[in-house]
Protein backbone atom coordinates (compact mmCIF):
# COMPACT_ATOMS: atom_id res chain seq x y z
CA MET A 1 124.04 59.44 155.50
CA LYS A 2 121.21 61.37 156.88
CA GLU A 3 118.68 58.50 157.18
CA LYS A 4 118.18 56.30 160.31
CA LEU A 5 119.33 52.87 160.11
CA SER A 6 116.85 49.90 160.93
CA PHE A 7 117.43 47.20 163.30
CA LYS A 8 118.26 44.87 160.48
CA SER A 9 120.80 47.15 158.97
CA TYR A 10 122.42 47.39 162.60
CA VAL A 11 122.57 43.53 162.89
CA LEU A 12 124.02 43.41 159.44
CA VAL A 13 126.81 46.02 160.11
CA GLY A 14 127.42 44.44 163.59
CA SER A 15 127.94 41.01 162.09
CA LEU A 16 130.24 42.40 159.31
CA LEU A 17 132.42 44.30 162.06
CA PHE A 18 132.45 41.20 163.97
CA GLY A 19 133.71 38.87 160.97
CA LEU A 20 136.28 41.73 160.43
CA PHE A 21 137.56 41.64 163.78
CA PHE A 22 137.08 37.99 164.89
CA ASP A 23 138.60 35.69 161.99
CA ALA A 24 140.35 32.52 162.15
CA GLY A 25 143.69 33.80 163.14
CA ASN A 26 142.06 35.62 166.16
CA LEU A 27 140.67 32.39 167.38
CA ILE A 28 143.89 30.32 167.39
CA PHE A 29 146.58 32.92 167.57
CA PRO A 30 146.02 34.63 171.16
CA VAL A 31 146.08 31.02 172.56
CA GLN A 32 149.53 30.20 170.97
CA MET A 33 150.80 33.63 171.74
CA GLY A 34 150.14 33.37 175.32
CA GLN A 35 151.89 29.73 175.47
CA LEU A 36 155.03 31.21 173.62
CA SER A 37 155.17 34.51 175.42
CA GLY A 38 156.03 33.27 178.80
CA SER A 39 156.88 36.00 181.29
CA ASN A 40 156.24 38.62 178.37
CA THR A 41 152.54 38.28 178.14
CA LEU A 42 151.83 42.03 178.70
CA PRO A 43 154.02 43.40 175.85
CA SER A 44 152.82 40.43 173.41
CA THR A 45 149.17 41.25 174.36
CA ILE A 46 149.67 44.78 173.78
CA GLY A 47 151.21 44.20 170.44
CA PHE A 48 148.45 41.79 169.54
CA LEU A 49 145.85 44.46 170.51
CA ILE A 50 147.53 47.08 168.46
CA THR A 51 148.01 44.99 165.23
CA GLY A 52 144.93 42.80 165.58
CA VAL A 53 142.35 45.29 166.68
CA GLY A 54 143.73 48.80 166.72
CA LEU A 55 144.80 48.74 162.95
CA PRO A 56 141.29 47.20 161.61
CA LEU A 57 139.54 49.70 163.84
CA LEU A 58 141.60 52.52 162.31
CA GLY A 59 140.58 51.19 158.90
CA VAL A 60 136.95 51.24 159.76
CA ILE A 61 136.99 54.82 161.17
CA SER A 62 138.98 56.07 158.24
CA ALA A 63 136.74 54.57 155.64
CA ALA A 64 133.52 55.85 157.61
CA LEU A 65 135.12 59.52 157.83
CA ALA A 66 135.66 59.41 154.05
CA GLN A 67 132.05 58.73 153.19
CA SER A 68 132.68 57.16 149.85
CA ASP A 69 130.09 54.76 148.19
CA SER A 70 132.55 52.34 147.12
CA LEU A 71 136.41 51.37 147.07
CA TYR A 72 136.76 52.73 143.79
CA ASP A 73 135.40 56.18 144.94
CA LEU A 74 137.73 55.85 147.94
CA ALA A 75 140.76 55.55 145.66
CA GLN A 76 139.75 57.84 142.86
CA PRO A 77 141.40 61.01 144.23
CA VAL A 78 144.83 59.45 143.56
CA GLY A 79 143.65 58.62 139.89
CA ARG A 80 141.58 56.41 137.77
CA ASN A 81 144.24 53.97 136.87
CA TYR A 82 145.25 53.59 140.69
CA SER A 83 141.90 53.21 141.70
CA ILE A 84 141.22 50.41 139.22
CA PHE A 85 144.51 48.62 140.16
CA PHE A 86 143.97 49.30 143.88
CA THR A 87 140.44 47.91 143.76
CA CYS A 88 141.32 44.65 141.75
CA LEU A 89 144.52 44.10 144.14
CA LEU A 90 142.41 44.45 147.16
CA TYR A 91 139.64 42.25 146.02
CA LEU A 92 142.21 39.53 145.34
CA THR A 93 143.97 39.74 148.32
CA ILE A 94 141.14 39.65 150.53
CA GLY A 95 139.89 36.48 148.64
CA SER A 96 141.94 34.15 146.57
CA LEU A 97 145.48 35.40 147.21
CA PHE A 98 145.73 35.15 151.17
CA ALA A 99 142.35 34.67 152.89
CA ILE A 100 141.13 31.44 151.43
CA PRO A 101 144.82 29.66 151.62
CA ARG A 102 145.25 31.10 155.05
CA THR A 103 141.84 29.76 156.26
CA ALA A 104 142.58 26.34 154.62
CA THR A 105 146.16 26.14 156.30
CA VAL A 106 144.58 27.01 159.59
CA ALA A 107 141.88 24.23 159.42
CA PHE A 108 144.57 21.71 158.47
CA GLU A 109 146.80 22.60 161.18
CA VAL A 110 144.18 22.35 163.69
CA SER A 111 142.25 19.14 162.43
CA LEU A 112 144.27 16.85 160.30
CA ASN A 113 148.01 17.47 160.72
CA ASP A 114 148.23 14.98 163.58
CA CYS A 115 146.34 12.36 161.60
CA SER A 116 148.52 9.41 160.28
CA VAL A 117 146.87 9.24 157.03
CA PHE A 118 148.49 12.35 155.94
């Protein structure tokens, strides 16, 4: 990519990266982790930073270094069938298999779980 990004593109990429790193779990989990860790706060914080920040950052860096145009192109060197399967599986995992049920569960646990109606 040789062209210079506009300010609008920087804002878009920045908001996408913010959404990648700061999701519903990263809002609630650190507080609960701090409560449960007791005197082991430092090891639990290091573990959270590695898994919650380090691994997604490694994924962003590796995707940027690959310089592919799409997820299909990223998986294409392995094989055509694999790239179709991997792309479909990843889109399902991101959306309907894990993210939507997890977000709904977190919202229920935080807001409605203590209500006597449910």
